[in-house]
Every structure is written in C-alpha cells, then in structure tokens.
C-alpha atoms as a PDB file:
ATOM      1  CA  ALA A   1      11.984  11.651   0.594  1.00  0.00           C
ATOM      2  CA  VAL A   2      15.326  11.024  -0.730  1.00  0.00           C
ATOM      3  CA  ALA A   3      17.066  13.894   1.102  1.00  0.00           C
ATOM      4  CA  ALA A   4      15.857  12.149   4.248  1.00  0.00           C
ATOM      5  CA  GLY A   5      17.381   8.870   3.215  1.00  0.00           C
ATOM      6  CA  ALA A   6      14.584   7.305   1.472  1.00  0.00           C
ATOM      7  CA  GLU A   7      15.545   4.710  -1.468  1.00  0.00           C
ATOM      8  CA  GLY A   8      12.619   5.666  -3.779  1.00  0.00           C
ATOM      9  CA  VAL A   9       8.748   6.610  -3.294  1.00  0.00           C
ATOM     10  CA  GLY A  10       6.791   3.383  -2.084  1.00  0.00           C
ATOM     11  CA  LEU A  11       3.563   5.163  -2.761  1.00  0.00           C
ATOM     12  CA  LEU A  12       2.674   7.985  -4.889  1.00  0.00           C
ATOM     13  CA  ARG A  13      -0.828   8.957  -3.846  1.00  0.00           C
ATOM     14  CA  THR A  14      -2.061  10.317  -7.440  1.00  0.00           C
ATOM     15  CA  GLU A  15      -5.347  11.367  -6.034  1.00  0.00           C
ATOM     16  CA  LEU A  16      -3.413  14.532  -4.900  1.00  0.00           C
ATOM     17  CA  LEU A  17      -3.433  15.761  -8.358  1.00  0.00           C
ATOM     18  CA  PHE A  18      -7.301  15.427  -8.382  1.00  0.00           C
ATOM     19  CA  LEU A  19      -8.132  17.073  -5.174  1.00  0.00           C
ATOM     20  CA  ASP A  20      -9.785  20.583  -4.856  1.00  0.00           C
ATOM     21  CA  ARG A  21     -10.516  21.278  -8.667  1.00  0.00           C
ATOM     22  CA  PRO A  22     -13.818  21.532 -10.590  1.00  0.00           C
ATOM     23  CA  GLY A  23     -12.338  19.058 -13.323  1.00  0.00           C
ATOM     24  CA  LEU A  24     -10.233  15.990 -13.800  1.00  0.00           C
ATOM     25  CA  PRO A  25      -6.511  16.304 -14.942  1.00  0.00           C
ATOM     26  CA  ASP A  26      -6.394  15.433 -18.574  1.00  0.00           C
ATOM     27  CA  GLU A  27      -3.549  12.565 -19.746  1.00  0.00           C
ATOM     28  CA  GLU A  28      -1.044  15.471 -20.620  1.00  0.00           C
ATOM     29  CA  GLU A  29      -1.147  17.051 -17.191  1.00  0.00           C
ATOM     30  CA  GLN A  30      -0.870  13.618 -15.500  1.00  0.00           C
ATOM     31  CA  VAL A  31       1.937  12.787 -17.633  1.00  0.00           C
ATOM     32  CA  ALA A  32       4.093  15.953 -17.044  1.00  0.00           C
ATOM     33  CA  VAL A  33       3.566  15.154 -13.272  1.00  0.00           C
ATOM     34  CA  LEU A  34       4.623  11.594 -13.374  1.00  0.00           C
ATOM     35  CA  ARG A  35       7.447  12.543 -15.651  1.00  0.00           C
ATOM     36  CA  GLU A  36       8.635  15.281 -13.546  1.00  0.00           C
ATOM     37  CA  ILE A  37       8.704  12.866 -10.181  1.00  0.00           C
ATOM     38  CA  ALA A  38      10.389  10.001 -12.217  1.00  0.00           C
ATOM     39  CA  GLY A  39      12.981  12.412 -13.665  1.00  0.00           C
ATOM     40  CA  THR A  40      13.609  13.806  -9.801  1.00  0.00           C
ATOM     41  CA  LEU A  41      14.325  10.358  -8.628  1.00  0.00           C
ATOM     42  CA  GLU A  42      16.717   9.601 -10.963  1.00  0.00           C
ATOM     43  CA  GLY A  43      16.087   5.886 -11.473  1.00  0.00           C
ATOM     44  CA  ARG A  44      15.028   5.288  -7.836  1.00  0.00           C
ATOM     45  CA  PRO A  45      11.915   3.136  -7.400  1.00  0.00           C
ATOM     46  CA  LEU A  46       8.497   5.120  -8.017  1.00  0.00           C
ATOM     47  CA  VAL A  47       5.376   3.205  -7.002  1.00  0.00           C
ATOM     48  CA  VAL A  48       2.607   4.738  -8.522  1.00  0.00           C
ATOM     49  CA  ARG A  49      -0.832   4.174  -6.728  1.00  0.00           C
ATOM     50  CA  THR A  50      -3.817   4.383  -8.957  1.00  0.00           C
ATOM     51  CA  LEU A  51      -6.609   6.635  -7.891  1.00  0.00           C
ATOM     52  CA  ASP A  52      -7.941   5.855  -4.440  1.00  0.00           C
ATOM     53  CA  VAL A  53     -10.860   7.823  -3.494  1.00  0.00           C
ATOM     54  CA  GLY A  54     -14.507   6.989  -2.755  1.00  0.00           C
ATOM     55  CA  ALA A  55     -17.527   8.305  -1.002  1.00  0.00           C
ATOM     56  CA  ASP A  56     -15.596   8.493   2.225  1.00  0.00           C
ATOM     57  CA  LYS A  57     -12.864  10.754   0.422  1.00  0.00           C
ATOM     58  CA  PRO A  58     -14.822  12.296  -2.438  1.00  0.00           C
ATOM     59  CA  LEU A  59     -13.716  14.113  -5.455  1.00  0.00           C
ATOM     60  CA  PRO A  60     -15.568  17.249  -6.712  1.00  0.00           C
ATOM     61  CA  ALA A  61     -14.936  16.258 -10.268  1.00  0.00           C
ATOM     62  CA  LEU A  62     -16.046  12.653  -9.794  1.00  0.00           C
ATOM     63  CA  ARG A  63     -19.361  12.638  -8.267  1.00  0.00           C
ATOM     64  CA  GLN A  64     -20.978   9.780  -6.578  1.00  0.00           C
ATOM     65  CA  ALA A  65     -23.967   8.959  -4.937  1.00  0.00           C
ATOM     66  CA  PRO A  66     -24.136   9.191  -1.219  1.00  0.00           C
ATOM     67  CA  GLU A  67     -23.440   5.897   0.534  1.00  0.00           C
ATOM     68  CA  ALA A  68     -24.749   4.833   3.984  1.00  0.00           C
ATOM     69  CA  ASN A  69     -21.193   3.095   4.726  1.00  0.00           C
ATOM     70  CA  PRO A  70     -18.526   4.623   2.246  1.00  0.00           C
ATOM     71  CA  PHE A  71     -15.883   2.685   4.014  1.00  0.00           C
ATOM     72  CA  LEU A  72     -17.737  -0.497   2.618  1.00  0.00           C
ATOM     73  CA  GLY A  73     -18.583   1.040  -0.681  1.00  0.00           C
ATOM     74  CA  VAL A  74     -17.468   1.823  -4.016  1.00  0.00           C
ATOM     75  CA  ARG A  75     -13.787   3.118  -3.480  1.00  0.00           C
ATOM     76  CA  GLY A  76     -10.259   2.317  -4.691  1.00  0.00           C
ATOM     77  CA  VAL A  77     -10.258  -0.025  -7.661  1.00  0.00           C
ATOM     78  CA  ARG A  78     -13.997  -0.323  -7.604  1.00  0.00           C
ATOM     79  CA  LEU A  79     -14.441   3.173  -8.232  1.00  0.00           C
ATOM     80  CA  SER A  80     -11.962   3.187 -11.103  1.00  0.00           C
ATOM     81  CA  LEU A  81     -13.514  -0.074 -12.569  1.00  0.00           C
ATOM     82  CA  ALA A  82     -16.946   1.626 -12.363  1.00  0.00           C
ATOM     83  CA  ARG A  83     -15.522   4.756 -14.463  1.00  0.00           C
ATOM     84  CA  PRO A  84     -13.522   3.010 -17.189  1.00  0.00           C
ATOM     85  CA  GLU A  85     -13.217   6.047 -19.186  1.00  0.00           C
ATOM     86  CA  GLU A  86     -11.388   8.091 -16.327  1.00  0.00           C
ATOM     87  CA  PHE A  87      -9.399   5.129 -15.331  1.00  0.00           C
ATOM     88  CA  ALA A  88      -8.175   4.629 -18.958  1.00  0.00           C
ATOM     89  CA  VAL A  89      -7.079   8.508 -19.093  1.00  0.00           C
ATOM     90  CA  GLN A  90      -4.876   7.639 -15.808  1.00  0.00           C
ATOM     91  CA  LEU A  91      -3.309   4.255 -16.951  1.00  0.00           C
ATOM     92  CA  ARG A  92      -2.430   5.848 -20.218  1.00  0.00           C
ATOM     93  CA  ALA A  93      -0.243   8.375 -18.386  1.00  0.00           C
ATOM     94  CA  ILE A  94       1.274   6.000 -16.307  1.00  0.00           C
ATOM     95  CA  ALA A  95       1.990   3.689 -19.445  1.00  0.00           C
ATOM     96  CA  ARG A  96       3.621   6.551 -21.368  1.00  0.00           C
ATOM     97  CA  VAL A  97       5.990   7.513 -18.492  1.00  0.00           C
ATOM     98  CA  ALA A  98       6.539   3.849 -17.587  1.00  0.00           C
ATOM     99  CA  ALA A  99       8.066   3.490 -21.181  1.00  0.00           C
ATOM    100  CA  GLU A 100      10.399   6.310 -20.376  1.00  0.00           C
ATOM    101  CA  HIS A 101      11.290   5.259 -16.846  1.00  0.00           C
ATOM    102  CA  ALA A 102      11.848   1.732 -16.077  1.00  0.00           C
ATOM    103  CA  SER A 103      11.789   2.447 -12.320  1.00  0.00           C
ATOM    104  CA  LEU A 104       7.951   3.214 -12.231  1.00  0.00           C
ATOM    105  CA  ARG A 105       5.840   0.525 -10.941  1.00  0.00           C
ATOM    106  CA  VAL A 106       2.032   0.865 -10.713  1.00  0.00           C
ATOM    107  CA  MET A 107      -0.291  -0.594  -8.122  1.00  0.00           C
ATOM    108  CA  PHE A 108      -3.918  -0.749  -7.644  1.00  0.00           C
ATOM    109  CA  PRO A 109      -5.771   0.113  -4.214  1.00  0.00           C
ATOM    110  CA  MET A 110      -8.241  -1.637  -2.338  1.00  0.00           C
ATOM    111  CA  VAL A 111      -8.423  -5.003  -4.214  1.00  0.00           C
ATOM    112  CA  ALA A 112     -10.700  -7.749  -2.771  1.00  0.00           C
ATOM    113  CA  THR A 113     -11.142 -10.168  -5.577  1.00  0.00           C
ATOM    114  CA  LEU A 114      -9.145 -11.687  -8.367  1.00  0.00           C
ATOM    115  CA  ALA A 115     -11.667 -10.335 -10.962  1.00  0.00           C
ATOM    116  CA  GLU A 116     -10.794  -6.996  -9.855  1.00  0.00           C
ATOM    117  CA  LEU A 117      -7.559  -7.474 -10.184  1.00  0.00           C
ATOM    118  CA  ARG A 118      -7.823  -9.034 -13.514  1.00  0.00           C
ATOM    119  CA  ALA A 119      -9.979  -6.340 -14.641  1.00  0.00           C
ATOM    120  CA  ALA A 120      -7.606  -3.696 -13.490  1.00  0.00           C
ATOM    121  CA  ARG A 121      -4.747  -5.613 -15.312  1.00  0.00           C
ATOM    122  CA  ALA A 122      -6.642  -5.762 -18.421  1.00  0.00           C
ATOM    123  CA  ALA A 123      -7.343  -2.194 -18.422  1.00  0.00           C
ATOM    124  CA  LEU A 124      -3.714  -1.360 -17.891  1.00  0.00           C
ATOM    125  CA  SER A 125      -2.746  -3.580 -20.874  1.00  0.00           C
ATOM    126  CA  ALA A 126      -5.525  -1.693 -23.180  1.00  0.00           C
ATOM    127  CA  ALA A 127      -3.813   1.415 -21.949  1.00  0.00           C
ATOM    128  CA  GLY A 128      -0.656   0.312 -23.848  1.00  0.00           C
ATOM    129  CA  ALA A 129       1.316  -0.377 -20.796  1.00  0.00           C
ATOM    130  CA  PRO A 130       5.121  -1.978 -21.564  1.00  0.00           C
ATOM    131  CA  ASP A 131       5.540  -5.490 -20.993  1.00  0.00           C
ATOM    132  CA  SER A 132       8.328  -4.704 -18.430  1.00  0.00           C
ATOM    133  CA  LEU A 133       6.301  -2.655 -16.309  1.00  0.00           C
ATOM    134  CA  GLN A 134       6.073  -4.023 -12.721  1.00  0.00           C
ATOM    135  CA  VAL A 135       2.550  -4.271 -11.496  1.00  0.00           C
ATOM    136  CA  GLY A 136       1.447  -4.847  -7.866  1.00  0.00           C
ATOM    137  CA  MET A 137      -1.405  -4.337  -5.357  1.00  0.00           C
ATOM    138  CA  MET A 138      -2.421  -3.013  -2.128  1.00  0.00           C
ATOM    139  CA  VAL A 139      -3.254  -5.621   0.606  1.00  0.00           C
ATOM    140  CA  GLU A 140      -6.052  -3.739   2.526  1.00  0.00           C
ATOM    141  CA  VAL A 141      -8.857  -5.934   2.729  1.00  0.00           C
ATOM    142  CA  PRO A 142      -8.821  -9.062   4.948  1.00  0.00           C
ATOM    143  CA  ALA A 143      -9.983 -11.355   1.965  1.00  0.00           C
ATOM    144  CA  ALA A 144      -6.871  -9.992   0.008  1.00  0.00           C
ATOM    145  CA  ALA A 145      -4.586 -10.905   2.923  1.00  0.00           C
ATOM    146  CA  LEU A 146      -6.148 -14.485   3.492  1.00  0.00           C
ATOM    147  CA  HIS A 147      -5.993 -15.214  -0.063  1.00  0.00           C
ATOM    148  CA  ALA A 148      -2.321 -13.640  -0.693  1.00  0.00           C
ATOM    149  CA  GLU A 149      -0.727 -16.633  -2.209  1.00  0.00           C
ATOM    150  CA  ARG A 150      -3.381 -16.675  -4.982  1.00  0.00           C
ATOM    151  CA  PHE A 151      -2.952 -12.943  -5.614  1.00  0.00           C
ATOM    152  CA  ALA A 152       0.806 -13.328  -5.469  1.00  0.00           C
ATOM    153  CA  ARG A 153       0.711 -15.454  -8.584  1.00  0.00           C
ATOM    154  CA  GLU A 154      -0.774 -12.674 -10.758  1.00  0.00           C
ATOM    155  CA  VAL A 155       1.339  -9.661  -9.265  1.00  0.00           C
ATOM    156  CA  ASP A 156       5.134  -8.412  -9.120  1.00  0.00           C
ATOM    157  CA  PHE A 157       4.698  -7.166  -5.802  1.00  0.00           C
ATOM    158  CA  LEU A 158       2.309  -6.899  -2.777  1.00  0.00           C
ATOM    159  CA  SER A 159       2.052  -3.692  -0.584  1.00  0.00           C
ATOM    160  CA  ILE A 160       0.121  -4.154   2.928  1.00  0.00           C
ATOM    161  CA  GLY A 161      -1.830  -0.945   3.647  1.00  0.00           C
ATOM    162  CA  THR A 162      -1.750  -1.386   7.451  1.00  0.00           C
ATOM    163  CA  ASN A 163      -3.914   1.416   7.984  1.00  0.00           C
ATOM    164  CA  ASP A 164      -7.149   0.308   6.333  1.00  0.00           C
ATOM    165  CA  LEU A 165      -6.406  -3.362   6.829  1.00  0.00           C
ATOM    166  CA  ALA A 166      -6.365  -2.631  10.596  1.00  0.00           C
ATOM    167  CA  GLN A 167      -9.634  -0.971  10.695  1.00  0.00           C
ATOM    168  CA  TYR A 168     -11.252  -3.552   8.456  1.00  0.00           C
ATOM    169  CA  VAL A 169      -9.822  -6.448  10.662  1.00  0.00           C
ATOM    170  CA  MET A 170     -11.117  -4.466  13.931  1.00  0.00           C
ATOM    171  CA  ALA A 171     -14.316  -3.021  12.480  1.00  0.00           C
ATOM    172  CA  ALA A 172     -13.309   0.209  13.683  1.00  0.00           C
ATOM    173  CA  GLU A 173     -13.245   3.388  11.759  1.00  0.00           C
ATOM    174  CA  ARG A 174      -9.916   5.316  12.210  1.00  0.00           C
ATOM    175  CA  GLY A 175     -11.622   8.564  11.747  1.00  0.00           C
ATOM    176  CA  ASN A 176     -14.033   7.654  14.807  1.00  0.00           C
ATOM    177  CA  ALA A 177     -12.391   8.766  18.066  1.00  0.00           C
ATOM    178  CA  ALA A 178     -14.567   6.640  20.012  1.00  0.00           C
ATOM    179  CA  VAL A 179     -12.912   3.450  18.392  1.00  0.00           C
ATOM    180  CA  ALA A 180      -9.754   4.627  16.733  1.00  0.00           C
ATOM    181  CA  GLY A 181      -7.859   3.373  19.617  1.00  0.00           C
ATOM    182  CA  LEU A 182      -8.519  -0.354  18.630  1.00  0.00           C
ATOM    183  CA  THR A 183      -6.391   0.118  15.506  1.00  0.00           C
ATOM    184  CA  ASP A 184      -3.389   1.438  17.072  1.00  0.00           C
ATOM    185  CA  GLY A 185      -0.228  -0.389  17.076  1.00  0.00           C
ATOM    186  CA  PRO A 186       1.125  -3.920  16.333  1.00  0.00           C
ATOM    187  CA  LEU A 187      -2.174  -5.679  16.975  1.00  0.00           C
ATOM    188  CA  PRO A 188      -1.662  -9.345  17.066  1.00  0.00           C
ATOM    189  CA  ALA A 189      -4.301 -10.008  14.698  1.00  0.00           C
ATOM    190  CA  LEU A 190      -3.064  -7.469  12.217  1.00  0.00           C
ATOM    191  CA  LEU A 191       0.165  -9.162  12.659  1.00  0.00           C
ATOM    192  CA  ARG A 192      -1.190 -12.367  11.880  1.00  0.00           C
ATOM    193  CA  LEU A 193      -2.709 -11.128   8.402  1.00  0.00           C
ATOM    194  CA  VAL A 194       0.847  -9.592   7.667  1.00  0.00           C
ATOM    195  CA  ALA A 195       2.220 -13.179   8.425  1.00  0.00           C
ATOM    196  CA  GLU A 196      -0.427 -14.827   5.948  1.00  0.00           C
ATOM    197  CA  VAL A 197       0.508 -12.290   3.350  1.00  0.00           C
ATOM    198  CA  THR A 198       4.341 -12.819   3.449  1.00  0.00           C
ATOM    199  CA  THR A 199       4.096 -16.599   3.841  1.00  0.00           C
ATOM    200  CA  GLY A 200       1.613 -16.750   0.489  1.00  0.00           C
ATOM    201  CA  ALA A 201       3.818 -14.405  -1.132  1.00  0.00           C
ATOM    202  CA  ARG A 202       7.039 -16.234  -0.461  1.00  0.00           C
ATOM    203  CA  SER A 203       6.021 -19.292  -2.353  1.00  0.00           C
ATOM    204  CA  ASN A 204       5.573 -17.231  -5.499  1.00  0.00           C
ATOM    205  CA  ALA A 205       8.859 -15.345  -4.848  1.00  0.00           C
ATOM    206  CA  CYS A 206       6.788 -11.986  -4.588  1.00  0.00           C
ATOM    207  CA  PRO A 207       8.100  -9.339  -2.709  1.00  0.00           C
ATOM    208  CA  VAL A 208       6.050  -7.614   0.261  1.00  0.00           C
ATOM    209  CA  GLY A 209       6.186  -3.971   1.439  1.00  0.00           C
ATOM    210  CA  VAL A 210       4.239  -2.343   3.801  1.00  0.00           C
ATOM    211  CA  CYS A 211       2.872   1.209   3.873  1.00  0.00           C
ATOM    212  CA  GLY A 212       1.164   2.954   6.450  1.00  0.00           C
ATOM    213  CA  GLU A 213       1.522   4.071  10.101  1.00  0.00           C
ATOM    214  CA  LEU A 214       2.683   1.037  11.618  1.00  0.00           C
ATOM    215  CA  ALA A 215       5.720   1.005   9.348  1.00  0.00           C
ATOM    216  CA  GLY A 216       6.631   4.340  11.137  1.00  0.00           C
ATOM    217  CA  GLU A 217       6.767   2.928  14.642  1.00  0.00           C
ATOM    218  CA  PRO A 218      10.440   1.448  15.357  1.00  0.00           C
ATOM    219  CA  LEU A 219       9.272  -1.514  17.165  1.00  0.00           C
ATOM    220  CA  ALA A 220       6.524  -2.516  14.757  1.00  0.00           C
ATOM    221  CA  ALA A 221       8.979  -1.993  12.039  1.00  0.00           C
ATOM    222  CA  ALA A 222      11.068  -4.285  13.609  1.00  0.00           C
ATOM    223  CA  LEU A 223       8.505  -7.102  13.915  1.00  0.00           C
ATOM    224  CA  LEU A 224       7.380  -6.325  10.250  1.00  0.00           C
ATOM    225  CA  VAL A 225      10.896  -7.261   9.232  1.00  0.00           C
ATOM    226  CA  GLY A 226      10.773 -10.378  11.442  1.00  0.00           C
ATOM    227  CA  LEU A 227       7.709 -11.363   9.566  1.00  0.00           C
ATOM    228  CA  GLY A 228       9.464 -11.286   6.046  1.00  0.00           C
ATOM    229  CA  VAL A 229       8.325  -7.751   4.970  1.00  0.00           C
ATOM    230  CA  GLN A 230      10.930  -6.529   2.715  1.00  0.00           C
ATOM    231  CA  SER A 231      10.350  -2.818   2.255  1.00  0.00           C
ATOM    232  CA  LEU A 232       8.776   0.083   4.190  1.00  0.00           C
ATOM    233  CA  SER A 233       7.046   3.128   2.884  1.00  0.00           C
ATOM    234  CA  ILE A 234       6.902   5.853   5.408  1.00  0.00           C
ATOM    235  CA  VAL A 235       6.671   9.797   5.627  1.00  0.00           C
ATOM    236  CA  PRO A 236       9.996  11.285   5.238  1.00  0.00           C
ATOM    237  CA  ALA A 237      10.438  12.715   8.262  1.00  0.00           C
ATOM    238  CA  LEU A 238      10.293   9.351   9.904  1.00  0.00           C
ATOM    239  CA  VAL A 239      13.122   7.672   7.471  1.00  0.00           C
ATOM    240  CA  PRO A 240      16.103   8.491   9.627  1.00  0.00           C
ATOM    241  CA  GLU A 241      14.568   7.129  12.820  1.00  0.00           C
ATOM    242  CA  ILE A 242      13.485   3.873  11.116  1.00  0.00           C
ATOM    243  CA  LYS A 243      16.582   3.257   9.107  1.00  0.00           C
ATOM    244  CA  GLU A 244      18.670   3.795  12.468  1.00  0.00           C
ATOM    245  CA  ALA A 245      16.276   1.255  14.393  1.00  0.00           C
ATOM    246  CA  LEU A 246      16.664  -1.301  11.715  1.00  0.00           C
ATOM    247  CA  ARG A 247      20.107  -0.915  10.797  1.00  0.00           C
ATOM    248  CA  GLY A 248      21.509  -2.934  13.966  1.00  0.00           C
ATOM    249  CA  LEU A 249      18.440  -5.480  13.797  1.00  0.00           C
ATOM    250  CA  ASP A 250      19.138  -9.194  14.346  1.00  0.00           C
ATOM    251  CA  ALA A 251      16.720 -10.222  11.666  1.00  0.00           C
ATOM    252  CA  GLU A 252      16.643 -13.998  12.551  1.00  0.00           C
ATOM    253  CA  GLN A 253      15.963 -12.875  16.270  1.00  0.00           C
ATOM    254  CA  ALA A 254      13.259 -10.627  15.056  1.00  0.00           C
ATOM    255  CA  GLY A 255      11.656 -13.428  13.219  1.00  0.00           C
ATOM    256  CA  ILE A 256      11.526 -15.509  16.206  1.00  0.00           C
ATOM    257  CA  VAL A 257      10.080 -12.800  18.426  1.00  0.00           C
ATOM    258  CA  ALA A 258       7.441 -11.950  15.834  1.00  0.00           C
ATOM    259  CA  ARG A 259       6.024 -15.411  15.334  1.00  0.00           C
ATOM    260  CA  ARG A 260       5.904 -15.477  19.201  1.00  0.00           C
ATOM    261  CA  CYS A 261       3.965 -12.203  19.234  1.00  0.00           C
ATOM    262  CA  LEU A 262       1.168 -13.985  16.895  1.00  0.00           C
ATOM    263  CA  GLU A 263       0.049 -15.833  20.080  1.00  0.00           C
ATOM    264  CA  LEU A 264      -0.418 -12.914  22.297  1.00  0.00           C
ATOM    265  CA  ASP A 265      -3.764 -11.473  23.043  1.00  0.00           C
ATOM    266  CA  ALA A 266      -2.914  -7.431  23.089  1.00  0.00           C
ATOM    267  CA  VAL A 267      -0.946  -4.844  21.947  1.00  0.00           C
ATOM    268  CA  ASP A 268       0.684  -4.105  25.205  1.00  0.00           C
ATOM    269  CA  GLU A 269       1.797  -7.700  25.522  1.00  0.00           C
ATOM    270  CA  VAL A 270       3.265  -7.407  21.963  1.00  0.00           C
ATOM    271  CA  ARG A 271       5.258  -4.274  22.907  1.00  0.00           C
ATOM    272  CA  ASP A 272       6.579  -5.829  26.104  1.00  0.00           C
ATOM    273  CA  LEU A 273       7.768  -9.104  24.305  1.00  0.00           C
ATOM    274  CA  ALA A 274       9.479  -7.246  21.433  1.00  0.00           C
ATOM    275  CA  ALA A 275      11.008  -4.457  23.773  1.00  0.00           C
ATOM    276  CA  GLY A 276      14.430  -6.338  23.516  1.00  0.00           C
ATOM    277  CA  LEU A 277      14.696  -6.357  19.654  1.00  0.00           C
ATOM    278  CA  LEU A 278      15.730  -2.447  19.537  1.00  0.00           C
ATOM    279  CA  THR A 279      18.170  -2.416  22.580  1.00  0.00           C
END
C-alpha cells in the first residue's frame, strides 16, 4: 500500500488472520502480526478493525447457529460482544501493540447502537488499552449514519463502510446478482447518508473517512470529498489513480456539486452532473 502511494492503512481486516484454520490465534500470535505491520509502516497510521465476521462469513473456529438472514444477524461487533472471552484476547493484543506504536488506532464494525459502542469501549478499557489510543467505529448501518452526531461525541473518528451501508439502505444484498446493481455507484440515497454523517461529525470535530468500493471510483471520490470526507481507504492498486484524480480537485466546487447531487433521483443523473469535476 505504501509503495503505491498510500499514507497508511485505513482498514486492517483482522479476520484474515482467523480464516481457514481450525483454532483461533492466541494473543501472542495476534501481537506478533500487529507488531510487524505497525513496524513496517514506520509511524504511518494503522487502523485496526476488530473481528468482522458472522453467519454470512463464518469462521470454522468460531461456530455460530445458522441464521435465516445472516446479514441482519449476529455479526461484527454484535458477535464480539456475544463472545467476550475471544473478544478480550483480540483487544489485549491490540492494546499491547498500541502501547508500543502511537500510530495504531482501533475501530469497531457494524455498530448500530450507542449501547454497543459503549460496551465495546468498556471491553477495550478492561483489556488495558492506553488512554492515548484513538478509537473509532464503522458507519455501515443506516441507524448509525442517522445518529452520527451522537456517535461522534464518543469516538475519535468515524469510517463509513459504503459497501454494507449501500446494501442496507437499498435492501439489496451485494452477493445476489439479481439485485446487486441497486447498490452500485454514487447512489443519491447513499450520498445523503454520507452527508448526514459528515454534518453530524463536524459539530464534534470528529474526522470522517470512507472505506469501500465507492471510494475507489474517481467521480464518487470527488463527491465524497465535496461532502466533507477527509480520508479514503481503498485497495492499493487504485491509490495512484484516485490521488491523481483528486490532486487538482476544486474542493469548494465539489461541495456545491455534491450538495446538488443529493436532490437527484438516480445514479446516472449524479454521474452526469458531477462529470465536470474531474475535467
């Protein structure tokens, strides 16, 4: 990522360490992996997302009962809070490496309520996290987007996960080819939720980033910047293209166009209106 021009890691998917193995990694193994990544980044930001799995993307070592609709079930922070012993192991590992590397930050996935956020933060404190550790949360659930101002009071940063947020706001599973097209691109409804988040966060001086496929589309990235998003987390291969697209962007004009896009009815209309931003 750094070689491609990235300024850090905006989303470290810790679940990759848990996949395809019969048992869960212990605290020492998790510490070793996080320590190596943080060291490699040499002080650049490292945002560690706690385990984000569920019945829709199960782990062999963390068995769950089948769910009729796993996308609306026990996943993300809900699963972590339901399995406090396993959660504590990961949080202790994060806390230990954070004590060594001030650039490390942590965020919780799929938060829907303040009670979930507060419970996760309490577990993090119990794990010995240093007071200096920056704590954030993913905004992937419409309820979290609509209540962003309240959440922003209790975190150091917000990261909008546009992939899940789009599928929830459009009631269309991304993995279902029959409806996946409903979630593609800079949807007016999705942009409205992004605006809700940035507006709510601004009153609390809370930075907002975006991670998800939308941030890797140059035109959409320009609109996100126009709506007040301050950082983008994308796959390394897209970093040069997005940086080049945004380098000459007029942020004030992008803001004007982005606000006009909120009043449109369809993705194609958004793209047509915003096309001039990158010319």
